[in-house]
Protein backbone atom coordinates (compact mmCIF):
# COMPACT_ATOMS: atom_id res chain seq x y z
CA MET A 1 -28.15 20.36 -13.87
CA PRO A 2 -31.56 18.85 -14.77
CA GLN A 3 -31.69 16.99 -18.04
CA TRP A 4 -34.33 19.27 -19.59
CA GLN A 5 -32.53 22.62 -19.12
CA GLY A 6 -31.34 24.29 -22.27
CA LEU A 7 -33.91 22.57 -24.50
CA SER A 8 -36.60 24.42 -26.37
CA SER A 9 -39.92 24.83 -24.57
CA LYS A 10 -41.58 22.23 -26.81
CA ARG A 11 -39.05 19.61 -25.79
CA ALA A 12 -38.65 20.64 -22.15
CA ARG A 13 -40.22 17.59 -20.59
CA HIS A 14 -38.77 14.44 -19.18
CA ASP A 15 -39.15 11.15 -21.01
CA GLY A 16 -42.06 9.87 -18.92
CA ALA A 17 -44.25 12.97 -19.32
CA ARG A 18 -47.44 12.96 -21.35
CA GLU A 19 -48.59 15.73 -23.63
CA GLY A 20 -51.63 17.78 -22.66
CA ARG A 21 -54.53 16.86 -24.92
CA GLY A 22 -58.20 17.66 -25.31
CA ALA A 23 -60.93 15.10 -24.89
CA PHE A 24 -61.09 14.66 -28.66
CA ARG A 25 -58.38 14.48 -31.26
CA GLY A 26 -58.80 15.80 -34.76
CA ASP A 27 -57.10 14.70 -37.94
CA GLY A 28 -57.80 16.98 -40.85
CA ILE A 29 -57.56 15.37 -44.26
CA ARG A 30 -57.68 17.39 -47.42
CA THR A 31 -57.92 15.77 -50.78
CA GLY A 32 -56.81 17.55 -53.89
CA THR A 33 -59.22 18.62 -56.59
CA LEU A 34 -58.71 19.29 -60.24
CA ALA A 35 -61.14 21.49 -62.14
CA LEU A 36 -61.26 21.35 -65.91
CA GLN A 37 -62.94 24.50 -67.19
CA PRO A 38 -63.61 23.56 -70.82
CA VAL A 39 -65.63 20.47 -69.79
CA ARG A 40 -66.76 21.90 -66.42
CA GLU A 41 -65.84 18.82 -64.43
CA VAL A 42 -64.24 18.61 -61.01
CA PHE A 43 -62.21 15.57 -60.06
CA THR A 44 -61.51 14.89 -56.37
CA ALA A 45 -58.68 12.64 -55.25
CA PRO A 46 -59.70 9.60 -53.19
CA ALA A 47 -59.14 9.62 -49.43
CA PRO A 48 -56.04 7.86 -48.11
CA ASP A 49 -56.24 4.19 -47.11
CA GLY A 50 -57.62 3.61 -43.63
CA VAL A 51 -59.77 6.73 -43.60
CA GLY A 52 -63.46 6.01 -43.11
CA LEU A 53 -66.41 7.81 -44.63
CA GLU A 54 -67.74 9.00 -41.28
CA LYS A 55 -66.71 12.44 -40.09
CA TYR A 56 -66.61 11.45 -36.41
CA ASP A 57 -65.34 8.24 -34.87
CA GLU A 58 -67.78 6.27 -32.72
CA THR A 59 -65.64 7.01 -29.67
CA VAL A 60 -66.58 10.70 -29.94
CA ALA A 61 -70.22 9.95 -29.08
CA ALA A 62 -69.14 7.73 -26.18
CA MET A 63 -66.81 10.38 -24.75
CA LEU A 64 -69.40 13.14 -25.24
CA GLY A 65 -71.97 11.05 -23.40
CA MET A 66 -69.56 10.39 -20.55
CA LEU A 67 -68.54 14.05 -20.23
CA ARG A 68 -72.08 15.40 -20.50
CA TYR A 69 -74.21 12.85 -18.72
CA GLY A 70 -71.66 10.90 -16.69
CA SER A 71 -69.68 13.86 -15.36
CA GLY A 72 -72.26 16.62 -15.78
CA LEU A 73 -70.00 18.85 -17.90
CA PRO A 74 -72.14 21.39 -19.82
CA MET A 75 -71.76 21.35 -23.57
CA HIS A 76 -70.61 24.96 -23.74
CA ARG A 77 -67.68 24.04 -21.50
CA ILE A 78 -66.80 21.08 -23.71
CA GLN A 79 -66.87 23.53 -26.63
CA LYS A 80 -64.52 25.94 -24.81
CA LEU A 81 -62.21 23.09 -23.82
CA GLN A 82 -61.91 21.85 -27.38
CA HIS A 83 -61.50 25.39 -28.72
CA GLY A 84 -58.51 25.78 -26.42
CA PHE A 85 -56.89 22.76 -28.11
CA ARG A 86 -57.78 24.18 -31.56
CA ILE A 87 -60.20 21.36 -32.33
CA PRO A 88 -63.60 23.05 -32.66
CA LEU A 89 -66.61 21.10 -31.45
CA PRO A 90 -69.62 23.46 -31.31
CA VAL A 91 -72.61 22.70 -29.11
CA SER A 92 -74.82 22.14 -32.16
CA THR A 93 -72.41 19.48 -33.45
CA GLN A 94 -72.33 17.82 -30.04
CA TRP A 95 -76.13 17.55 -30.11
CA GLU A 96 -76.06 16.05 -33.61
CA ILE A 97 -73.52 13.43 -32.56
CA LEU A 98 -75.42 12.52 -29.39
CA LEU A 99 -78.80 12.35 -31.13
CA GLU A 100 -77.42 10.00 -33.76
CA ALA A 101 -75.84 7.82 -31.06
CA ALA A 102 -79.07 7.85 -29.05
CA GLY A 103 -80.92 6.34 -32.00
CA LEU A 104 -78.38 3.53 -32.15
CA LEU A 105 -78.55 2.91 -28.40
CA LEU A 106 -82.34 3.04 -28.04
CA PRO A 107 -82.95 -0.72 -28.59
CA ALA A 108 -80.37 -1.57 -25.91
CA HIS A 109 -81.94 0.95 -23.53
CA VAL A 110 -85.43 -0.48 -24.07
CA GLU A 111 -84.17 -4.02 -23.48
CA LEU A 112 -82.29 -3.10 -20.31
CA ALA A 113 -85.27 -1.14 -19.01
CA SER A 114 -87.56 -4.12 -19.59
CA ARG A 115 -85.32 -6.29 -17.42
CA LEU A 116 -85.48 -3.97 -14.41
CA PRO A 117 -87.64 -5.20 -11.56
CA ARG A 118 -91.02 -3.48 -11.39
CA VAL A 119 -91.58 -1.24 -8.38
CA ARG A 120 -95.14 -1.06 -7.04
């Protein structure tokens, strides 16, 4: 009898198997808030240690660039893929991430382009 029989469907995989995952992982963090009505102030708890201020990690832009421009995957398909893993990444957000990354990469692109041999 195979080792995995009789286990629940979530655990029915052998030890060497990997979980199916989307191209991007999402960690939702919610901080608590406290509203004091008499003084009309809202206090928000600080984020946990190790959590940055940026909404998206720099690896998201790199992976988006690879999927879109390296592999030719249309953005609406990336959106559908991520939706299937319950991590929404709309096309408009993908554009925002890539445009911000493009601004950071422009000086490197200009430098690399200037080093290419000129074709006459």
